[in-house]
Amino acid sequence: MATRDGGQRADTSGPGDLGHGARAALRAALTGTIFAMSVLAYLGDHETALGKAVVTVAGTGIVIFLGEVYAGLLSAALASSERLSRTEITVEIGASATAAVPGVLAGLLLLVLSSLGLAVGPSIDAALWLGVVTLALCSILEGHGSHRTVPFKIAMVVVSILLGVVIIVLKAELH
């Protein structure tokens, strides 16, 4: 495994480790979740119609996906003297697709909760708490394939939960 300065770095992966693609997909899901939660926090501070909230949060997920694909492909293209293979492009698009999932799911959740009679504001709050759960789950999955100690893995899950709670608290303070 090469380093930025051209040297070699030991491959520390082992049985049960997540592969590069899985780690990239989890990273994209974490990024997408944080952005979706930020958009929801912003929307929760305004009187927002359901349609506008759904399009805004789902659209943000799609924009994050496009940004992840662009950044990943640009980085890969610049790091290689060879033309990217179709497989490399497909893997990058697949890994980046998970960046859109949190925003799209948040939009769908808003629609479902609205159809059940819940107002937009409380639906946004529910979607924010689902974001906290998503951050925790992504951290658990990421930790599962890690060589880190159990206390470190637990600490990372706690940090993810705290990050989500901070976003919700900031939304509440802004409202």
N, C-alpha and C. Protein backbone atom coordinates (compact mmCIF):
# COMPACT_ATOMS: atom_id res chain seq x y z
N MET A 1 0.85 -1.16 0.00
CA MET A 1 0.00 0.00 0.00
C MET A 1 0.91 1.23 0.00
N ALA A 2 0.74 2.12 -0.96
CA ALA A 2 1.63 3.27 -1.10
C ALA A 2 1.15 4.43 -0.23
N THR A 3 2.10 5.24 0.21
CA THR A 3 1.78 6.46 0.94
C THR A 3 1.90 7.64 -0.01
N ARG A 4 1.51 8.82 0.44
CA ARG A 4 1.56 10.01 -0.41
C ARG A 4 2.97 10.32 -0.90
N ASP A 5 3.97 10.04 -0.08
CA ASP A 5 5.34 10.37 -0.48
C ASP A 5 6.00 9.27 -1.28
N GLY A 6 5.24 8.26 -1.69
CA GLY A 6 5.76 7.20 -2.54
C GLY A 6 6.28 6.00 -1.77
N GLY A 7 6.38 6.11 -0.45
CA GLY A 7 6.84 4.99 0.37
C GLY A 7 5.77 3.93 0.50
N GLN A 8 6.10 2.88 1.18
CA GLN A 8 5.14 1.80 1.37
C GLN A 8 4.63 1.80 2.81
N ARG A 9 3.37 1.50 2.98
CA ARG A 9 2.76 1.40 4.30
C ARG A 9 2.26 -0.02 4.43
N ALA A 10 2.41 -0.58 5.60
CA ALA A 10 1.96 -1.95 5.83
C ALA A 10 0.45 -2.01 5.72
N ASP A 11 -0.05 -3.05 5.10
CA ASP A 11 -1.48 -3.30 5.03
C ASP A 11 -1.88 -3.95 6.33
N THR A 12 -2.65 -3.23 7.14
CA THR A 12 -3.02 -3.72 8.47
C THR A 12 -4.37 -4.42 8.47
N SER A 13 -4.94 -4.66 7.29
CA SER A 13 -6.24 -5.32 7.25
C SER A 13 -6.08 -6.79 7.60
N GLY A 14 -7.14 -7.34 8.08
CA GLY A 14 -7.13 -8.74 8.47
C GLY A 14 -8.51 -9.32 8.32
N PRO A 15 -8.70 -10.54 8.75
CA PRO A 15 -10.00 -11.16 8.65
C PRO A 15 -11.05 -10.35 9.41
N GLY A 16 -12.19 -10.17 8.80
CA GLY A 16 -13.28 -9.45 9.44
C GLY A 16 -13.22 -7.95 9.21
N ASP A 17 -12.12 -7.45 8.62
CA ASP A 17 -12.01 -6.02 8.37
C ASP A 17 -12.94 -5.63 7.23
N LEU A 18 -13.38 -4.39 7.30
CA LEU A 18 -14.16 -3.85 6.19
C LEU A 18 -13.22 -3.53 5.06
N GLY A 19 -13.66 -3.75 3.85
CA GLY A 19 -12.84 -3.42 2.69
C GLY A 19 -12.90 -1.93 2.41
N HIS A 20 -12.08 -1.49 1.47
CA HIS A 20 -12.03 -0.07 1.11
C HIS A 20 -13.40 0.43 0.66
N GLY A 21 -14.10 -0.36 -0.15
CA GLY A 21 -15.42 0.06 -0.64
C GLY A 21 -16.43 0.22 0.48
N ALA A 22 -16.42 -0.71 1.44
CA ALA A 22 -17.36 -0.62 2.55
C ALA A 22 -17.04 0.59 3.43
N ARG A 23 -15.76 0.83 3.66
CA ARG A 23 -15.37 2.00 4.46
C ARG A 23 -15.77 3.29 3.74
N ALA A 24 -15.58 3.34 2.43
CA ALA A 24 -15.95 4.52 1.66
C ALA A 24 -17.47 4.73 1.71
N ALA A 25 -18.22 3.65 1.63
CA ALA A 25 -19.69 3.76 1.69
C ALA A 25 -20.14 4.25 3.07
N LEU A 26 -19.52 3.74 4.12
CA LEU A 26 -19.87 4.20 5.47
C LEU A 26 -19.50 5.66 5.66
N ARG A 27 -18.33 6.06 5.15
CA ARG A 27 -17.91 7.46 5.25
C ARG A 27 -18.94 8.35 4.53
N ALA A 28 -19.35 7.92 3.35
CA ALA A 28 -20.33 8.70 2.59
C ALA A 28 -21.67 8.76 3.33
N ALA A 29 -22.08 7.66 3.95
CA ALA A 29 -23.33 7.66 4.72
C ALA A 29 -23.23 8.59 5.92
N LEU A 30 -22.09 8.60 6.59
CA LEU A 30 -21.89 9.53 7.71
C LEU A 30 -21.97 10.97 7.23
N THR A 31 -21.28 11.27 6.14
CA THR A 31 -21.30 12.62 5.59
C THR A 31 -22.72 13.01 5.20
N GLY A 32 -23.41 12.12 4.49
CA GLY A 32 -24.78 12.38 4.08
C GLY A 32 -25.71 12.60 5.26
N THR A 33 -25.51 11.83 6.32
CA THR A 33 -26.36 11.96 7.52
C THR A 33 -26.13 13.32 8.18
N ILE A 34 -24.88 13.71 8.31
CA ILE A 34 -24.57 15.00 8.95
C ILE A 34 -25.15 16.15 8.14
N PHE A 35 -25.01 16.09 6.82
CA PHE A 35 -25.58 17.14 5.98
C PHE A 35 -27.11 17.13 6.03
N ALA A 36 -27.71 15.96 5.98
CA ALA A 36 -29.18 15.88 6.05
C ALA A 36 -29.68 16.44 7.38
N MET A 37 -28.98 16.09 8.47
CA MET A 37 -29.38 16.62 9.77
C MET A 37 -29.22 18.14 9.83
N SER A 38 -28.18 18.66 9.22
CA SER A 38 -27.97 20.11 9.19
C SER A 38 -29.09 20.80 8.44
N VAL A 39 -29.48 20.23 7.31
CA VAL A 39 -30.57 20.80 6.53
C VAL A 39 -31.88 20.71 7.31
N LEU A 40 -32.12 19.58 7.95
CA LEU A 40 -33.33 19.44 8.76
C LEU A 40 -33.35 20.44 9.90
N ALA A 41 -32.19 20.65 10.54
CA ALA A 41 -32.12 21.62 11.63
C ALA A 41 -32.46 23.02 11.12
N TYR A 42 -31.94 23.35 9.94
CA TYR A 42 -32.25 24.65 9.35
C TYR A 42 -33.74 24.75 9.03
N LEU A 43 -34.29 23.72 8.40
CA LEU A 43 -35.71 23.74 8.04
C LEU A 43 -36.60 23.80 9.27
N GLY A 44 -36.17 23.16 10.35
CA GLY A 44 -36.96 23.16 11.58
C GLY A 44 -37.04 24.52 12.23
N ASP A 45 -36.16 25.43 11.83
CA ASP A 45 -36.15 26.77 12.38
C ASP A 45 -37.06 27.72 11.60
N HIS A 46 -37.64 27.24 10.54
CA HIS A 46 -38.49 28.06 9.68
C HIS A 46 -39.85 27.38 9.51
N GLU A 47 -40.84 28.20 9.22
CA GLU A 47 -42.14 27.63 8.86
C GLU A 47 -42.00 27.11 7.44
N THR A 48 -41.88 25.82 7.31
CA THR A 48 -41.61 25.21 6.02
C THR A 48 -42.76 24.31 5.62
N ALA A 49 -43.18 24.43 4.38
CA ALA A 49 -44.21 23.54 3.85
C ALA A 49 -43.60 22.16 3.66
N LEU A 50 -44.44 21.14 3.74
CA LEU A 50 -43.99 19.76 3.63
C LEU A 50 -43.22 19.53 2.32
N GLY A 51 -43.79 19.94 1.21
CA GLY A 51 -43.15 19.72 -0.09
C GLY A 51 -41.77 20.35 -0.16
N LYS A 52 -41.65 21.57 0.33
CA LYS A 52 -40.37 22.25 0.31
C LYS A 52 -39.36 21.52 1.20
N ALA A 53 -39.80 21.06 2.35
CA ALA A 53 -38.89 20.34 3.27
C ALA A 53 -38.42 19.03 2.63
N VAL A 54 -39.33 18.30 2.01
CA VAL A 54 -38.98 17.02 1.38
C VAL A 54 -37.99 17.24 0.23
N VAL A 55 -38.30 18.18 -0.64
CA VAL A 55 -37.42 18.45 -1.79
C VAL A 55 -36.06 18.97 -1.32
N THR A 56 -36.05 19.79 -0.30
CA THR A 56 -34.79 20.37 0.18
C THR A 56 -33.89 19.30 0.78
N VAL A 57 -34.42 18.47 1.66
CA VAL A 57 -33.56 17.48 2.32
C VAL A 57 -33.18 16.35 1.35
N ALA A 58 -34.11 15.89 0.53
CA ALA A 58 -33.78 14.84 -0.44
C ALA A 58 -32.84 15.39 -1.51
N GLY A 59 -33.10 16.62 -1.96
CA GLY A 59 -32.22 17.23 -2.95
C GLY A 59 -30.81 17.43 -2.43
N THR A 60 -30.70 17.78 -1.17
CA THR A 60 -29.38 17.91 -0.56
C THR A 60 -28.65 16.58 -0.58
N GLY A 61 -29.37 15.50 -0.31
CA GLY A 61 -28.76 14.16 -0.37
C GLY A 61 -28.21 13.86 -1.75
N ILE A 62 -28.96 14.23 -2.77
CA ILE A 62 -28.51 13.99 -4.15
C ILE A 62 -27.30 14.85 -4.48
N VAL A 63 -27.30 16.10 -4.02
CA VAL A 63 -26.14 16.98 -4.25
C VAL A 63 -24.91 16.43 -3.54
N ILE A 64 -25.08 15.93 -2.33
CA ILE A 64 -23.95 15.35 -1.59
C ILE A 64 -23.41 14.14 -2.36
N PHE A 65 -24.31 13.31 -2.89
CA PHE A 65 -23.89 12.16 -3.70
C PHE A 65 -23.04 12.62 -4.88
N LEU A 66 -23.53 13.61 -5.61
CA LEU A 66 -22.79 14.10 -6.77
C LEU A 66 -21.43 14.66 -6.36
N GLY A 67 -21.39 15.36 -5.24
CA GLY A 67 -20.12 15.90 -4.74
C GLY A 67 -19.15 14.80 -4.35
N GLU A 68 -19.66 13.75 -3.70
CA GLU A 68 -18.81 12.62 -3.32
C GLU A 68 -18.27 11.90 -4.56
N VAL A 69 -19.12 11.70 -5.56
CA VAL A 69 -18.67 11.04 -6.79
C VAL A 69 -17.58 11.88 -7.46
N TYR A 70 -17.86 13.16 -7.60
CA TYR A 70 -16.89 14.04 -8.24
C TYR A 70 -15.56 14.03 -7.49
N ALA A 71 -15.61 14.23 -6.17
CA ALA A 71 -14.37 14.27 -5.38
C ALA A 71 -13.63 12.94 -5.46
N GLY A 72 -14.35 11.84 -5.35
CA GLY A 72 -13.71 10.53 -5.40
C GLY A 72 -13.08 10.23 -6.74
N LEU A 73 -13.80 10.52 -7.82
CA LEU A 73 -13.25 10.25 -9.15
C LEU A 73 -12.11 11.20 -9.49
N LEU A 74 -12.23 12.46 -9.09
CA LEU A 74 -11.15 13.41 -9.33
C LEU A 74 -9.90 12.97 -8.59
N SER A 75 -10.06 12.61 -7.33
CA SER A 75 -8.93 12.17 -6.52
C SER A 75 -8.28 10.93 -7.12
N ALA A 76 -9.10 9.96 -7.51
CA ALA A 76 -8.57 8.72 -8.09
C ALA A 76 -7.87 9.00 -9.42
N ALA A 77 -8.44 9.87 -10.24
CA ALA A 77 -7.85 10.18 -11.53
C ALA A 77 -6.51 10.90 -11.37
N LEU A 78 -6.44 11.79 -10.41
CA LEU A 78 -5.19 12.54 -10.20
C LEU A 78 -4.12 11.68 -9.54
N ALA A 79 -4.52 10.67 -8.80
CA ALA A 79 -3.55 9.81 -8.10
C ALA A 79 -2.97 8.73 -9.00
N SER A 80 -3.54 8.56 -10.18
CA SER A 80 -3.11 7.49 -11.06
C SER A 80 -2.61 8.05 -12.38
N SER A 81 -1.61 7.40 -12.93
CA SER A 81 -1.15 7.80 -14.26
C SER A 81 -1.95 7.08 -15.34
N GLU A 82 -2.74 6.10 -14.93
CA GLU A 82 -3.58 5.32 -15.85
C GLU A 82 -4.99 5.90 -15.89
N ARG A 83 -5.67 5.60 -16.94
CA ARG A 83 -7.08 5.96 -17.05
C ARG A 83 -7.87 5.08 -16.08
N LEU A 84 -8.88 5.65 -15.42
CA LEU A 84 -9.68 4.88 -14.47
C LEU A 84 -10.46 3.80 -15.22
N SER A 85 -10.50 2.63 -14.62
CA SER A 85 -11.26 1.54 -15.23
C SER A 85 -12.74 1.71 -14.93
N ARG A 86 -13.53 1.03 -15.71
CA ARG A 86 -14.98 1.05 -15.51
C ARG A 86 -15.31 0.53 -14.11
N THR A 87 -14.57 -0.48 -13.64
CA THR A 87 -14.79 -1.03 -12.31
C THR A 87 -14.52 0.00 -11.23
N GLU A 88 -13.40 0.73 -11.36
CA GLU A 88 -13.07 1.77 -10.38
C GLU A 88 -14.16 2.84 -10.33
N ILE A 89 -14.64 3.22 -11.49
CA ILE A 89 -15.70 4.24 -11.56
C ILE A 89 -16.98 3.71 -10.92
N THR A 90 -17.32 2.48 -11.23
CA THR A 90 -18.54 1.87 -10.66
C THR A 90 -18.44 1.74 -9.16
N VAL A 91 -17.28 1.33 -8.66
CA VAL A 91 -17.09 1.19 -7.21
C VAL A 91 -17.24 2.56 -6.53
N GLU A 92 -16.65 3.58 -7.12
CA GLU A 92 -16.73 4.93 -6.53
C GLU A 92 -18.16 5.43 -6.52
N ILE A 93 -18.88 5.22 -7.61
CA ILE A 93 -20.28 5.65 -7.67
C ILE A 93 -21.11 4.89 -6.63
N GLY A 94 -20.86 3.58 -6.52
CA GLY A 94 -21.59 2.78 -5.54
C GLY A 94 -21.32 3.22 -4.12
N ALA A 95 -20.06 3.47 -3.80
CA ALA A 95 -19.72 3.91 -2.45
C ALA A 95 -20.31 5.28 -2.17
N SER A 96 -20.28 6.15 -3.16
CA SER A 96 -20.78 7.52 -2.97
C SER A 96 -22.30 7.56 -2.89
N ALA A 97 -22.96 6.57 -3.46
CA ALA A 97 -24.43 6.57 -3.46
C ALA A 97 -25.00 6.59 -2.05
N THR A 98 -24.26 6.03 -1.11
CA THR A 98 -24.79 6.01 0.26
C THR A 98 -24.84 7.42 0.85
N ALA A 99 -24.17 8.39 0.25
CA ALA A 99 -24.26 9.77 0.73
C ALA A 99 -25.65 10.34 0.51
N ALA A 100 -26.34 9.88 -0.52
CA ALA A 100 -27.68 10.37 -0.82
C ALA A 100 -28.75 9.73 0.05
N VAL A 101 -28.49 8.53 0.51
CA VAL A 101 -29.50 7.75 1.22
C VAL A 101 -30.09 8.47 2.44
N PRO A 102 -29.29 9.07 3.33
CA PRO A 102 -29.90 9.72 4.50
C PRO A 102 -30.86 10.85 4.14
N GLY A 103 -30.50 11.68 3.17
CA GLY A 103 -31.37 12.77 2.78
C GLY A 103 -32.66 12.27 2.13
N VAL A 104 -32.52 11.29 1.25
CA VAL A 104 -33.70 10.73 0.59
C VAL A 104 -34.60 10.04 1.61
N LEU A 105 -34.00 9.27 2.52
CA LEU A 105 -34.81 8.61 3.56
C LEU A 105 -35.48 9.62 4.49
N ALA A 106 -34.78 10.70 4.81
CA ALA A 106 -35.38 11.74 5.65
C ALA A 106 -36.58 12.35 4.93
N GLY A 107 -36.44 12.60 3.62
CA GLY A 107 -37.57 13.12 2.85
C GLY A 107 -38.75 12.17 2.85
N LEU A 108 -38.47 10.88 2.67
CA LEU A 108 -39.53 9.87 2.69
C LEU A 108 -40.18 9.79 4.08
N LEU A 109 -39.35 9.88 5.12
CA LEU A 109 -39.90 9.85 6.48
C LEU A 109 -40.83 11.03 6.71
N LEU A 110 -40.45 12.20 6.22
CA LEU A 110 -41.32 13.37 6.35
C LEU A 110 -42.66 13.13 5.66
N LEU A 111 -42.61 12.53 4.47
CA LEU A 111 -43.86 12.23 3.76
C LEU A 111 -44.73 11.22 4.51
N VAL A 112 -44.09 10.17 5.02
CA VAL A 112 -44.84 9.13 5.75
C VAL A 112 -45.46 9.71 7.01
N LEU A 113 -44.68 10.45 7.79
CA LEU A 113 -45.21 11.01 9.04
C LEU A 113 -46.31 12.02 8.76
N SER A 114 -46.17 12.77 7.67
CA SER A 114 -47.22 13.71 7.29
C SER A 114 -48.51 12.98 6.92
N SER A 115 -48.36 11.86 6.20
CA SER A 115 -49.54 11.09 5.82
C SER A 115 -50.23 10.47 7.04
N LEU A 116 -49.47 10.30 8.12
CA LEU A 116 -50.04 9.80 9.38
C LEU A 116 -50.62 10.91 10.24
N GLY A 117 -50.54 12.16 9.72
CA GLY A 117 -51.15 13.29 10.42
C GLY A 117 -50.21 14.12 11.26
N LEU A 118 -48.93 13.81 11.28
CA LEU A 118 -47.96 14.58 12.06
C LEU A 118 -47.57 15.85 11.30
N ALA A 119 -47.49 16.95 11.99
CA ALA A 119 -47.12 18.22 11.38
C ALA A 119 -45.65 18.18 10.95
N VAL A 120 -45.26 19.13 10.09
CA VAL A 120 -43.91 19.15 9.55
C VAL A 120 -42.87 19.31 10.66
N GLY A 121 -43.09 20.22 11.61
CA GLY A 121 -42.12 20.47 12.68
C GLY A 121 -41.77 19.22 13.47
N PRO A 122 -42.77 18.53 14.02
CA PRO A 122 -42.47 17.29 14.75
C PRO A 122 -41.89 16.18 13.85
N SER A 123 -42.28 16.19 12.57
CA SER A 123 -41.71 15.21 11.64
C SER A 123 -40.23 15.47 11.44
N ILE A 124 -39.85 16.74 11.37
CA ILE A 124 -38.43 17.10 11.26
C ILE A 124 -37.69 16.65 12.50
N ASP A 125 -38.29 16.86 13.67
CA ASP A 125 -37.65 16.41 14.92
C ASP A 125 -37.44 14.90 14.91
N ALA A 126 -38.44 14.15 14.44
CA ALA A 126 -38.31 12.69 14.37
C ALA A 126 -37.19 12.30 13.40
N ALA A 127 -37.11 12.99 12.26
CA ALA A 127 -36.06 12.70 11.28
C ALA A 127 -34.68 13.02 11.86
N LEU A 128 -34.60 14.06 12.67
CA LEU A 128 -33.32 14.39 13.31
C LEU A 128 -32.89 13.28 14.26
N TRP A 129 -33.82 12.76 15.04
CA TRP A 129 -33.47 11.68 15.97
C TRP A 129 -33.12 10.40 15.20
N LEU A 130 -33.77 10.18 14.07
CA LEU A 130 -33.38 9.05 13.23
C LEU A 130 -31.94 9.25 12.72
N GLY A 131 -31.56 10.50 12.48
CA GLY A 131 -30.19 10.80 12.09
C GLY A 131 -29.19 10.42 13.18
N VAL A 132 -29.56 10.67 14.44
CA VAL A 132 -28.68 10.28 15.55
C VAL A 132 -28.50 8.76 15.56
N VAL A 133 -29.58 8.04 15.36
CA VAL A 133 -29.51 6.58 15.31
C VAL A 133 -28.63 6.14 14.14
N THR A 134 -28.78 6.79 13.00
CA THR A 134 -27.97 6.46 11.83
C THR A 134 -26.48 6.69 12.09
N LEU A 135 -26.14 7.81 12.71
CA LEU A 135 -24.75 8.08 13.04
C LEU A 135 -24.19 6.98 13.95
N ALA A 136 -24.98 6.59 14.94
CA ALA A 136 -24.53 5.54 15.87
C ALA A 136 -24.35 4.21 15.13
N LEU A 137 -25.31 3.86 14.27
CA LEU A 137 -25.20 2.59 13.54
C LEU A 137 -23.99 2.57 12.60
N CYS A 138 -23.76 3.68 11.91
CA CYS A 138 -22.59 3.75 11.03
C CYS A 138 -21.30 3.60 11.84
N SER A 139 -21.26 4.20 13.02
CA SER A 139 -20.07 4.08 13.87
C SER A 139 -19.89 2.66 14.38
N ILE A 140 -20.98 2.00 14.69
CA ILE A 140 -20.91 0.60 15.13
C ILE A 140 -20.39 -0.27 13.99
N LEU A 141 -20.92 -0.08 12.79
CA LEU A 141 -20.46 -0.85 11.64
C LEU A 141 -18.99 -0.59 11.34
N GLU A 142 -18.61 0.67 11.39
CA GLU A 142 -17.21 1.03 11.14
C GLU A 142 -16.31 0.41 12.20
N GLY A 143 -16.74 0.45 13.44
CA GLY A 143 -15.95 -0.12 14.53
C GLY A 143 -15.83 -1.62 14.45
N HIS A 144 -16.86 -2.27 13.92
CA HIS A 144 -16.85 -3.73 13.81
C HIS A 144 -15.66 -4.21 12.98
N GLY A 145 -15.31 -3.46 11.96
CA GLY A 145 -14.20 -3.86 11.10
C GLY A 145 -12.89 -3.22 11.50
N SER A 146 -12.78 -2.79 12.74
CA SER A 146 -11.60 -2.06 13.19
C SER A 146 -10.74 -2.91 14.12
N HIS A 147 -9.47 -2.58 14.17
CA HIS A 147 -8.54 -3.24 15.09
C HIS A 147 -8.46 -2.51 16.42
N ARG A 148 -9.23 -1.48 16.59
CA ARG A 148 -9.18 -0.67 17.80
C ARG A 148 -9.76 -1.43 18.99
N THR A 149 -9.46 -0.95 20.17
CA THR A 149 -9.96 -1.60 21.39
C THR A 149 -11.46 -1.36 21.53
N VAL A 150 -12.11 -2.20 22.28
CA VAL A 150 -13.55 -2.06 22.51
C VAL A 150 -13.87 -0.70 23.16
N PRO A 151 -13.11 -0.26 24.19
CA PRO A 151 -13.42 1.06 24.75
C PRO A 151 -13.31 2.19 23.71
N PHE A 152 -12.34 2.10 22.80
CA PHE A 152 -12.20 3.11 21.76
C PHE A 152 -13.41 3.07 20.83
N LYS A 153 -13.83 1.87 20.45
CA LYS A 153 -14.99 1.73 19.56
C LYS A 153 -16.24 2.31 20.22
N ILE A 154 -16.41 2.03 21.50
CA ILE A 154 -17.56 2.57 22.24
C ILE A 154 -17.48 4.09 22.29
N ALA A 155 -16.28 4.60 22.53
CA ALA A 155 -16.09 6.05 22.58
C ALA A 155 -16.48 6.70 21.25
N MET A 156 -16.15 6.06 20.14
CA MET A 156 -16.49 6.62 18.83
C MET A 156 -18.00 6.62 18.60
N VAL A 157 -18.69 5.59 19.08
CA VAL A 157 -20.15 5.57 18.97
C VAL A 157 -20.74 6.70 19.82
N VAL A 158 -20.20 6.88 21.02
CA VAL A 158 -20.68 7.96 21.89
C VAL A 158 -20.43 9.32 21.24
N VAL A 159 -19.27 9.50 20.63
CA VAL A 159 -18.97 10.77 19.95
C VAL A 159 -19.96 10.99 18.81
N SER A 160 -20.29 9.95 18.07
CA SER A 160 -21.26 10.09 16.98
C SER A 160 -22.63 10.49 17.50
N ILE A 161 -23.04 9.87 18.60
CA ILE A 161 -24.33 10.23 19.21
C ILE A 161 -24.30 11.67 19.69
N LEU A 162 -23.19 12.05 20.33
CA LEU A 162 -23.07 13.44 20.81
C LEU A 162 -23.11 14.44 19.66
N LEU A 163 -22.47 14.10 18.55
CA LEU A 163 -22.51 14.98 17.38
C LEU A 163 -23.96 15.19 16.93
N GLY A 164 -24.72 14.11 16.84
CA GLY A 164 -26.12 14.22 16.45
C GLY A 164 -26.93 15.04 17.44
N VAL A 165 -26.69 14.82 18.72
CA VAL A 165 -27.41 15.57 19.75
C VAL A 165 -27.05 17.05 19.69
N VAL A 166 -25.79 17.36 19.43
CA VAL A 166 -25.37 18.76 19.30
C VAL A 166 -26.13 19.43 18.15
N ILE A 167 -26.29 18.73 17.04
CA ILE A 167 -27.05 19.29 15.92
C ILE A 167 -28.48 19.57 16.34
N ILE A 168 -29.09 18.65 17.08
CA ILE A 168 -30.47 18.85 17.54
C ILE A 168 -30.55 20.00 18.54
N VAL A 169 -29.59 20.08 19.45
CA VAL A 169 -29.58 21.17 20.44
C VAL A 169 -29.41 22.52 19.73
N LEU A 170 -28.52 22.57 18.76
CA LEU A 170 -28.35 23.82 18.00
C LEU A 170 -29.65 24.20 17.30
N LYS A 171 -30.32 23.22 16.74
CA LYS A 171 -31.62 23.50 16.08
C LYS A 171 -32.60 24.06 17.10
N ALA A 172 -32.65 23.46 18.29
CA ALA A 172 -33.57 23.93 19.32
C ALA A 172 -33.22 25.34 19.78
N GLU A 173 -31.92 25.64 19.87
CA GLU A 173 -31.49 26.98 20.28
C GLU A 173 -31.80 28.01 19.22
N LEU A 174 -31.75 27.63 17.95
CA LEU A 174 -32.03 28.57 16.87
C LEU A 174 -33.53 28.81 16.71
N HIS A 175 -34.33 27.88 17.16
CA HIS A 175 -35.78 27.97 16.94
C HIS A 175 -36.44 28.89 17.91
